[in-house]
Amino acid sequence: MAANAVRHGHVAGRDFHVRLTHGTGTVRVEVSDTRTERVPVLSDAEPPGDAECGRGLLIVAGLATRWEVAPRDGAPGKTVWAELRLP
């Protein structure tokens, strides 16, 4: 998710933010960037075998209990978050 923020959400002069929180049996990962017009969409289609990108959110969807894209609180941009169940 951080790599996606760097590659697709970068705005010159602005950083992205990572936040980790934990609850009972879960960990939540949030990555916020400042691009509002580029919202990620999960596609069921895998990229061609030799493609160097396009698998990030497929991996997130496969590992996460749930995930979503939401407007960023208190600043322009968006936040992609995922919750993972702890063993």
Protein backbone atom coordinates (compact mmCIF):
# COMPACT_ATOMS: atom_id res chain seq x y z
CA MET A 1 0.00 0.00 0.00
CA ALA A 2 2.89 2.36 0.73
CA ALA A 3 4.46 1.52 -2.63
CA ASN A 4 1.16 2.35 -4.34
CA ALA A 5 1.05 5.71 -2.52
CA VAL A 6 4.56 6.52 -3.71
CA ARG A 7 3.94 5.40 -7.28
CA HIS A 8 0.36 6.53 -7.89
CA GLY A 9 -0.46 9.06 -5.16
CA HIS A 10 2.62 11.26 -5.09
CA VAL A 11 2.24 15.02 -5.34
CA ALA A 12 5.47 17.01 -5.48
CA GLY A 13 6.27 18.58 -2.12
CA ARG A 14 3.83 16.41 -0.16
CA ASP A 15 4.39 13.19 1.74
CA PHE A 16 2.23 10.17 2.34
CA HIS A 17 1.41 8.84 5.81
CA VAL A 18 1.31 5.32 7.24
CA ARG A 19 -0.62 4.52 10.40
CA LEU A 20 -0.75 1.19 12.22
CA THR A 21 -3.27 0.45 14.94
CA HIS A 22 -4.25 -2.74 16.67
CA GLY A 23 -7.40 -3.98 18.28
CA THR A 24 -8.47 -7.26 19.78
CA GLY A 25 -7.23 -9.80 17.27
CA THR A 26 -6.71 -7.36 14.40
CA VAL A 27 -4.20 -4.91 13.02
CA ARG A 28 -5.22 -2.01 10.79
CA VAL A 29 -2.89 -0.48 8.22
CA GLU A 30 -3.77 2.94 6.78
CA VAL A 31 -1.87 4.67 4.00
CA SER A 32 -2.88 8.22 3.08
CA ASP A 33 -1.73 10.30 0.14
CA THR A 34 -2.72 13.67 -1.29
CA ARG A 35 -4.10 12.66 -4.71
CA THR A 36 -7.89 12.89 -4.77
CA GLU A 37 -8.42 12.16 -8.44
CA ARG A 38 -6.67 8.77 -8.51
CA VAL A 39 -8.77 6.33 -6.50
CA PRO A 40 -7.65 2.69 -6.70
CA VAL A 41 -10.11 0.12 -7.98
CA LEU A 42 -9.73 -3.59 -7.40
CA SER A 43 -10.03 -5.58 -10.58
CA ASP A 44 -10.52 -9.34 -10.62
CA ALA A 45 -8.32 -9.56 -13.71
CA GLU A 46 -4.68 -10.25 -13.03
CA PRO A 47 -2.16 -8.30 -15.08
CA PRO A 48 -0.16 -10.21 -17.70
CA GLY A 49 2.47 -12.53 -16.22
CA ASP A 50 5.34 -10.25 -17.21
CA ALA A 51 3.75 -7.00 -15.97
CA GLU A 52 5.76 -5.19 -13.30
CA CYS A 53 2.74 -3.66 -11.56
CA GLY A 54 -0.95 -4.19 -10.94
CA ARG A 55 -0.91 -6.81 -8.19
CA GLY A 56 -0.71 -4.69 -5.04
CA LEU A 57 -4.39 -4.48 -4.21
CA LEU A 58 -4.92 -8.11 -5.25
CA ILE A 59 -2.43 -9.02 -2.52
CA VAL A 60 -4.14 -6.69 -0.04
CA ALA A 61 -7.56 -8.19 -0.85
CA GLY A 62 -6.17 -11.70 -0.45
CA LEU A 63 -4.62 -11.01 2.95
CA ALA A 64 -7.07 -8.57 4.51
CA THR A 65 -10.25 -9.36 6.36
CA ARG A 66 -11.60 -6.16 4.81
CA TRP A 67 -10.22 -3.08 3.09
CA GLU A 68 -11.52 0.15 1.64
CA VAL A 69 -10.65 3.52 0.12
CA ALA A 70 -11.99 6.59 1.93
CA PRO A 71 -11.49 10.37 1.73
CA ARG A 72 -8.58 11.53 3.86
CA ASP A 73 -9.53 13.20 7.16
CA GLY A 74 -8.38 16.79 7.62
CA ALA A 75 -6.41 17.06 4.36
CA PRO A 76 -6.85 16.59 0.63
CA GLY A 77 -6.43 13.08 -0.68
CA LYS A 78 -7.49 9.58 0.19
CA THR A 79 -6.72 6.80 2.65
CA VAL A 80 -6.50 3.15 1.73
CA TRP A 81 -6.91 0.95 4.78
CA ALA A 82 -6.88 -2.77 5.42
CA GLU A 83 -7.63 -4.85 8.49
CA LEU A 84 -5.87 -8.15 9.05
CA ARG A 85 -6.81 -10.76 11.59
CA LEU A 86 -4.00 -11.73 13.96
CA PRO A 87 -3.35 -15.39 14.69
